[in-house]
Amino acid sequence: MGSVYYTLQDFITHTELFIYLLMAGALVALPLFWRFLTGRDEKKRTY
């Protein structure tokens, strides 16, 4: 079964861990997504 949070400290600790994991995932995913978007651009010619 699911865990029960008895105190506010338990709730905040588990919520904080979840948010840190989301932020770490975003820091990895956003540069990869940006590279995917800009990777198909044609290279500009320099004469």
PDB file of N, CA and C in Angstrom:
ATOM      1  N   MET A   1       0.844  -1.187   0.000  1.00  0.00           N
ATOM      2  CA  MET A   1       0.000   0.000   0.000  1.00  0.00           C
ATOM      3  C   MET A   1       0.889   1.250   0.000  1.00  0.00           C
ATOM      4  N   GLY A   2       0.241   2.384  -0.166  1.00  0.00           N
ATOM      5  CA  GLY A   2       0.961   3.644  -0.213  1.00  0.00           C
ATOM      6  C   GLY A   2       1.451   4.062   1.155  1.00  0.00           C
ATOM      7  N   SER A   3       2.441   4.913   1.174  1.00  0.00           N
ATOM      8  CA  SER A   3       2.965   5.391   2.450  1.00  0.00           C
ATOM      9  C   SER A   3       2.063   6.506   2.974  1.00  0.00           C
ATOM     10  N   VAL A   4       2.011   6.593   4.277  1.00  0.00           N
ATOM     11  CA  VAL A   4       1.184   7.603   4.930  1.00  0.00           C
ATOM     12  C   VAL A   4       2.104   8.663   5.529  1.00  0.00           C
ATOM     13  N   TYR A   5       1.808   9.920   5.266  1.00  0.00           N
ATOM     14  CA  TYR A   5       2.595  11.017   5.816  1.00  0.00           C
ATOM     15  C   TYR A   5       1.942  11.469   7.116  1.00  0.00           C
ATOM     16  N   TYR A   6       2.663  11.293   8.211  1.00  0.00           N
ATOM     17  CA  TYR A   6       2.097  11.644   9.510  1.00  0.00           C
ATOM     18  C   TYR A   6       2.403  13.079   9.904  1.00  0.00           C
ATOM     19  N   THR A   7       3.469  13.631   9.364  1.00  0.00           N
ATOM     20  CA  THR A   7       3.827  14.994   9.752  1.00  0.00           C
ATOM     21  C   THR A   7       4.054  15.836   8.499  1.00  0.00           C
ATOM     22  N   LEU A   8       4.031  17.112   8.669  1.00  0.00           N
ATOM     23  CA  LEU A   8       4.320  18.033   7.576  1.00  0.00           C
ATOM     24  C   LEU A   8       5.752  17.856   7.094  1.00  0.00           C
ATOM     25  N   GLN A   9       6.670  17.561   8.018  1.00  0.00           N
ATOM     26  CA  GLN A   9       8.069  17.347   7.638  1.00  0.00           C
ATOM     27  C   GLN A   9       8.203  16.168   6.673  1.00  0.00           C
ATOM     28  N   ASP A  10       7.498  15.070   6.925  1.00  0.00           N
ATOM     29  CA  ASP A  10       7.534  13.922   6.012  1.00  0.00           C
ATOM     30  C   ASP A  10       6.996  14.303   4.645  1.00  0.00           C
ATOM     31  N   PHE A  11       5.894  15.018   4.618  1.00  0.00           N
ATOM     32  CA  PHE A  11       5.287  15.414   3.359  1.00  0.00           C
ATOM     33  C   PHE A  11       6.214  16.310   2.549  1.00  0.00           C
ATOM     34  N   ILE A  12       6.812  17.298   3.208  1.00  0.00           N
ATOM     35  CA  ILE A  12       7.686  18.237   2.511  1.00  0.00           C
ATOM     36  C   ILE A  12       8.934  17.527   2.008  1.00  0.00           C
ATOM     37  N   THR A  13       9.482  16.598   2.791  1.00  0.00           N
ATOM     38  CA  THR A  13      10.685  15.865   2.372  1.00  0.00           C
ATOM     39  C   THR A  13      10.416  15.057   1.118  1.00  0.00           C
ATOM     40  N   HIS A  14       9.300  14.348   1.084  1.00  0.00           N
ATOM     41  CA  HIS A  14       8.986  13.533  -0.082  1.00  0.00           C
ATOM     42  C   HIS A  14       8.613  14.396  -1.292  1.00  0.00           C
ATOM     43  N   THR A  15       7.935  15.486  -1.075  1.00  0.00           N
ATOM     44  CA  THR A  15       7.590  16.391  -2.162  1.00  0.00           C
ATOM     45  C   THR A  15       8.845  17.043  -2.727  1.00  0.00           C
ATOM     46  N   GLU A  16       9.756  17.428  -1.846  1.00  0.00           N
ATOM     47  CA  GLU A  16      10.999  18.059  -2.269  1.00  0.00           C
ATOM     48  C   GLU A  16      11.832  17.090  -3.115  1.00  0.00           C
ATOM     49  N   LEU A  17      11.888  15.833  -2.722  1.00  0.00           N
ATOM     50  CA  LEU A  17      12.621  14.833  -3.491  1.00  0.00           C
ATOM     51  C   LEU A  17      12.030  14.684  -4.884  1.00  0.00           C
ATOM     52  N   PHE A  18      10.722  14.656  -4.989  1.00  0.00           N
ATOM     53  CA  PHE A  18      10.050  14.534  -6.276  1.00  0.00           C
ATOM     54  C   PHE A  18      10.354  15.739  -7.166  1.00  0.00           C
ATOM     55  N   ILE A  19      10.320  16.932  -6.601  1.00  0.00           N
ATOM     56  CA  ILE A  19      10.604  18.144  -7.367  1.00  0.00           C
ATOM     57  C   ILE A  19      12.057  18.164  -7.836  1.00  0.00           C
ATOM     58  N   TYR A  20      12.992  17.742  -6.993  1.00  0.00           N
ATOM     59  CA  TYR A  20      14.398  17.692  -7.405  1.00  0.00           C
ATOM     60  C   TYR A  20      14.600  16.719  -8.558  1.00  0.00           C
ATOM     61  N   LEU A  21      13.917  15.578  -8.531  1.00  0.00           N
ATOM     62  CA  LEU A  21      14.012  14.627  -9.631  1.00  0.00           C
ATOM     63  C   LEU A  21      13.434  15.211 -10.913  1.00  0.00           C
ATOM     64  N   LEU A  22      12.329  15.944 -10.825  1.00  0.00           N
ATOM     65  CA  LEU A  22      11.758  16.601 -11.997  1.00  0.00           C
ATOM     66  C   LEU A  22      12.711  17.652 -12.568  1.00  0.00           C
ATOM     67  N   MET A  23      13.328  18.433 -11.697  1.00  0.00           N
ATOM     68  CA  MET A  23      14.253  19.467 -12.164  1.00  0.00           C
ATOM     69  C   MET A  23      15.483  18.843 -12.819  1.00  0.00           C
ATOM     70  N   ALA A  24      15.998  17.770 -12.259  1.00  0.00           N
ATOM     71  CA  ALA A  24      17.150  17.099 -12.857  1.00  0.00           C
ATOM     72  C   ALA A  24      16.777  16.527 -14.226  1.00  0.00           C
ATOM     73  N   GLY A  25      15.582  15.963 -14.334  1.00  0.00           N
ATOM     74  CA  GLY A  25      15.123  15.454 -15.622  1.00  0.00           C
ATOM     75  C   GLY A  25      14.980  16.559 -16.650  1.00  0.00           C
ATOM     76  N   ALA A  26      14.488  17.721 -16.218  1.00  0.00           N
ATOM     77  CA  ALA A  26      14.333  18.855 -17.130  1.00  0.00           C
ATOM     78  C   ALA A  26      15.694  19.378 -17.585  1.00  0.00           C
ATOM     79  N   LEU A  27      16.676  19.396 -16.685  1.00  0.00           N
ATOM     80  CA  LEU A  27      18.011  19.869 -17.054  1.00  0.00           C
ATOM     81  C   LEU A  27      18.673  18.950 -18.078  1.00  0.00           C
ATOM     82  N   VAL A  28      18.315  17.683 -18.066  1.00  0.00           N
ATOM     83  CA  VAL A  28      18.845  16.752 -19.060  1.00  0.00           C
ATOM     84  C   VAL A  28      18.030  16.824 -20.345  1.00  0.00           C
ATOM     85  N   ALA A  29      16.707  16.905 -20.226  1.00  0.00           N
ATOM     86  CA  ALA A  29      15.824  16.818 -21.391  1.00  0.00           C
ATOM     87  C   ALA A  29      15.829  18.089 -22.244  1.00  0.00           C
ATOM     88  N   LEU A  30      15.882  19.246 -21.654  1.00  0.00           N
ATOM     89  CA  LEU A  30      15.800  20.483 -22.429  1.00  0.00           C
ATOM     90  C   LEU A  30      16.968  20.681 -23.389  1.00  0.00           C
ATOM     91  N   PRO A  31      18.219  20.474 -22.965  1.00  0.00           N
ATOM     92  CA  PRO A  31      19.300  20.594 -23.953  1.00  0.00           C
ATOM     93  C   PRO A  31      19.207  19.545 -25.062  1.00  0.00           C
ATOM     94  N   LEU A  32      18.791  18.336 -24.731  1.00  0.00           N
ATOM     95  CA  LEU A  32      18.637  17.311 -25.762  1.00  0.00           C
ATOM     96  C   LEU A  32      17.538  17.689 -26.749  1.00  0.00           C
ATOM     97  N   PHE A  33      16.449  18.235 -26.235  1.00  0.00           N
ATOM     98  CA  PHE A  33      15.356  18.660 -27.099  1.00  0.00           C
ATOM     99  C   PHE A  33      15.796  19.828 -27.974  1.00  0.00           C
ATOM    100  N   TRP A  34      16.534  20.774 -27.420  1.00  0.00           N
ATOM    101  CA  TRP A  34      17.034  21.920 -28.192  1.00  0.00           C
ATOM    102  C   TRP A  34      17.971  21.449 -29.296  1.00  0.00           C
ATOM    103  N   ARG A  35      18.821  20.481 -28.975  1.00  0.00           N
ATOM    104  CA  ARG A  35      19.727  19.937 -29.987  1.00  0.00           C
ATOM    105  C   ARG A  35      18.946  19.233 -31.094  1.00  0.00           C
ATOM    106  N   PHE A  36      17.874  18.548 -30.732  1.00  0.00           N
ATOM    107  CA  PHE A  36      17.021  17.899 -31.716  1.00  0.00           C
ATOM    108  C   PHE A  36      16.375  18.938 -32.639  1.00  0.00           C
ATOM    109  N   LEU A  37      15.911  20.051 -32.068  1.00  0.00           N
ATOM    110  CA  LEU A  37      15.254  21.084 -32.867  1.00  0.00           C
ATOM    111  C   LEU A  37      16.229  21.778 -33.809  1.00  0.00           C
ATOM    112  N   THR A  38      17.416  22.085 -33.334  1.00  0.00           N
ATOM    113  CA  THR A  38      18.354  22.846 -34.149  1.00  0.00           C
ATOM    114  C   THR A  38      19.272  21.958 -34.977  1.00  0.00           C
ATOM    115  N   GLY A  39      19.266  20.675 -34.760  1.00  0.00           N
ATOM    116  CA  GLY A  39      20.158  19.781 -35.474  1.00  0.00           C
ATOM    117  C   GLY A  39      19.809  19.623 -36.936  1.00  0.00           C
ATOM    118  N   ARG A  40      18.568  19.895 -37.310  1.00  0.00           N
ATOM    119  CA  ARG A  40      18.146  19.713 -38.695  1.00  0.00           C
ATOM    120  C   ARG A  40      18.287  20.976 -39.538  1.00  0.00           C
ATOM    121  N   ASP A  41      18.700  22.065 -38.922  1.00  0.00           N
ATOM    122  CA  ASP A  41      18.888  23.301 -39.672  1.00  0.00           C
ATOM    123  C   ASP A  41      20.020  23.119 -40.672  1.00  0.00           C
ATOM    124  N   GLU A  42      19.854  23.702 -41.856  1.00  0.00           N
ATOM    125  CA  GLU A  42      20.920  23.639 -42.844  1.00  0.00           C
ATOM    126  C   GLU A  42      22.035  24.586 -42.438  1.00  0.00           C
ATOM    127  N   LYS A  43      23.233  24.149 -42.711  1.00  0.00           N
ATOM    128  CA  LYS A  43      24.388  24.995 -42.392  1.00  0.00           C
ATOM    129  C   LYS A  43      24.431  26.170 -43.365  1.00  0.00           C
ATOM    130  N   LYS A  44      24.684  27.379 -42.820  1.00  0.00           N
ATOM    131  CA  LYS A  44      24.787  28.565 -43.656  1.00  0.00           C
ATOM    132  C   LYS A  44      26.120  28.570 -44.377  1.00  0.00           C
ATOM    133  N   ARG A  45      26.110  28.958 -45.632  1.00  0.00           N
ATOM    134  CA  ARG A  45      27.339  29.018 -46.407  1.00  0.00           C
ATOM    135  C   ARG A  45      28.112  30.278 -46.049  1.00  0.00           C
ATOM    136  N   THR A  46      29.374  30.113 -45.872  1.00  0.00           N
ATOM    137  CA  THR A  46      30.256  31.264 -45.672  1.00  0.00           C
ATOM    138  C   THR A  46      31.207  31.320 -46.852  1.00  0.00           C
ATOM    139  N   TYR A  47      31.159  32.414 -47.559  1.00  0.00           N
ATOM    140  CA  TYR A  47      31.965  32.567 -48.781  1.00  0.00           C
ATOM    141  C   TYR A  47      33.278  33.182 -48.476  1.00  0.00           C
TER     142      TYR A  47
END
